[in-house]
């Protein structure tokens, strides 16, 4: 029971990290392509 709960928490944590990571990449890409239209 304890292992299952731990795995569930770990999975939620991983999902959270992945979501934040994707948002960061999206923002970086937006600024990179949005603020430098002449060089892109």
N, C-alpha and C. Protein backbone atom coordinates (compact mmCIF):
# COMPACT_ATOMS: atom_id res chain seq x y z
N UNK A 1 0.84 -1.20 0.00
CA UNK A 1 0.00 0.00 0.00
C UNK A 1 0.88 1.26 0.00
N UNK A 2 1.92 1.23 0.83
CA UNK A 2 2.80 2.39 0.94
C UNK A 2 3.55 2.63 -0.38
N UNK A 3 4.01 1.52 -0.99
CA UNK A 3 4.74 1.65 -2.25
C UNK A 3 3.86 2.25 -3.34
N UNK A 4 2.60 1.83 -3.39
CA UNK A 4 1.69 2.32 -4.39
C UNK A 4 1.47 3.83 -4.23
N UNK A 5 1.33 4.27 -2.99
CA UNK A 5 1.13 5.70 -2.71
C UNK A 5 2.37 6.48 -3.11
N UNK A 6 3.52 5.93 -2.80
CA UNK A 6 4.78 6.59 -3.12
C UNK A 6 4.94 6.72 -4.63
N UNK A 7 4.62 5.65 -5.34
CA UNK A 7 4.74 5.66 -6.79
C UNK A 7 3.77 6.69 -7.39
N UNK A 8 2.58 6.76 -6.82
CA UNK A 8 1.58 7.70 -7.32
C UNK A 8 2.06 9.14 -7.13
N UNK A 9 2.65 9.42 -5.97
CA UNK A 9 3.16 10.76 -5.68
C UNK A 9 4.32 11.09 -6.62
N UNK A 10 5.19 10.10 -6.84
CA UNK A 10 6.34 10.30 -7.72
C UNK A 10 5.87 10.59 -9.15
N UNK A 11 4.85 9.88 -9.59
CA UNK A 11 4.31 10.10 -10.93
C UNK A 11 3.72 11.49 -11.05
N UNK A 12 3.03 11.94 -10.02
CA UNK A 12 2.44 13.27 -10.04
C UNK A 12 3.52 14.34 -10.07
N UNK A 13 4.59 14.08 -9.32
CA UNK A 13 5.71 15.02 -9.26
C UNK A 13 6.38 15.10 -10.62
N UNK A 14 6.58 13.95 -11.26
CA UNK A 14 7.21 13.92 -12.57
C UNK A 14 6.35 14.67 -13.59
N UNK A 15 5.04 14.44 -13.55
CA UNK A 15 4.13 15.11 -14.46
C UNK A 15 4.22 16.62 -14.27
N UNK A 16 4.25 17.07 -13.01
CA UNK A 16 4.34 18.49 -12.69
C UNK A 16 5.61 19.09 -13.27
N UNK A 17 6.74 18.39 -13.09
CA UNK A 17 8.02 18.87 -13.60
C UNK A 17 8.00 18.96 -15.12
N UNK A 18 7.44 17.94 -15.76
CA UNK A 18 7.37 17.91 -17.22
C UNK A 18 6.53 19.07 -17.74
N UNK A 19 5.40 19.33 -17.08
CA UNK A 19 4.51 20.43 -17.49
C UNK A 19 5.25 21.77 -17.37
N UNK A 20 5.93 21.98 -16.25
CA UNK A 20 6.67 23.23 -16.05
C UNK A 20 7.78 23.35 -17.11
N UNK A 21 8.43 22.23 -17.40
CA UNK A 21 9.51 22.21 -18.38
C UNK A 21 8.99 22.60 -19.77
N UNK A 22 7.85 22.05 -20.15
CA UNK A 22 7.26 22.35 -21.46
C UNK A 22 6.84 23.80 -21.54
N UNK A 23 6.28 24.33 -20.46
CA UNK A 23 5.86 25.73 -20.44
C UNK A 23 7.08 26.64 -20.60
N UNK A 24 8.17 26.28 -19.91
CA UNK A 24 9.40 27.07 -20.00
C UNK A 24 9.94 27.07 -21.43
N UNK A 25 9.92 25.91 -22.08
CA UNK A 25 10.39 25.80 -23.46
C UNK A 25 9.50 26.63 -24.39
N UNK A 26 8.19 26.57 -24.16
CA UNK A 26 7.25 27.32 -24.99
C UNK A 26 7.50 28.82 -24.86
N UNK A 27 7.73 29.28 -23.63
CA UNK A 27 8.00 30.70 -23.39
C UNK A 27 9.32 31.11 -24.05
N UNK A 28 10.33 30.26 -23.90
CA UNK A 28 11.63 30.55 -24.50
C UNK A 28 11.52 30.65 -26.02
N UNK A 29 10.79 29.72 -26.63
CA UNK A 29 10.61 29.73 -28.08
C UNK A 29 9.82 30.97 -28.51
N UNK A 30 8.80 31.32 -27.73
CA UNK A 30 7.98 32.50 -28.04
C UNK A 30 8.83 33.77 -28.03
N UNK A 31 9.65 33.94 -26.99
CA UNK A 31 10.51 35.12 -26.91
C UNK A 31 11.58 35.11 -28.00
N UNK A 32 12.15 33.94 -28.24
CA UNK A 32 13.21 33.82 -29.24
C UNK A 32 12.71 34.19 -30.64
N UNK A 33 11.55 33.64 -31.01
CA UNK A 33 11.01 33.90 -32.34
C UNK A 33 10.19 35.19 -32.40
N UNK A 34 9.62 35.58 -31.26
CA UNK A 34 8.77 36.77 -31.22
C UNK A 34 9.54 38.08 -31.14
N UNK A 35 10.66 38.07 -30.40
CA UNK A 35 11.40 39.31 -30.19
C UNK A 35 12.49 39.52 -31.23
N UNK A 36 12.79 38.50 -32.03
CA UNK A 36 13.80 38.64 -33.08
C UNK A 36 13.25 38.16 -34.42
N UNK A 37 12.24 38.85 -34.93
CA UNK A 37 11.63 38.44 -36.21
C UNK A 37 12.56 38.60 -37.40
N UNK A 38 13.48 39.56 -37.31
CA UNK A 38 14.39 39.80 -38.42
C UNK A 38 15.44 38.71 -38.56
N UNK A 39 15.86 38.12 -37.42
CA UNK A 39 16.91 37.11 -37.46
C UNK A 39 16.36 35.71 -37.61
N UNK A 40 15.13 35.51 -37.20
CA UNK A 40 14.53 34.16 -37.20
C UNK A 40 14.37 33.67 -38.64
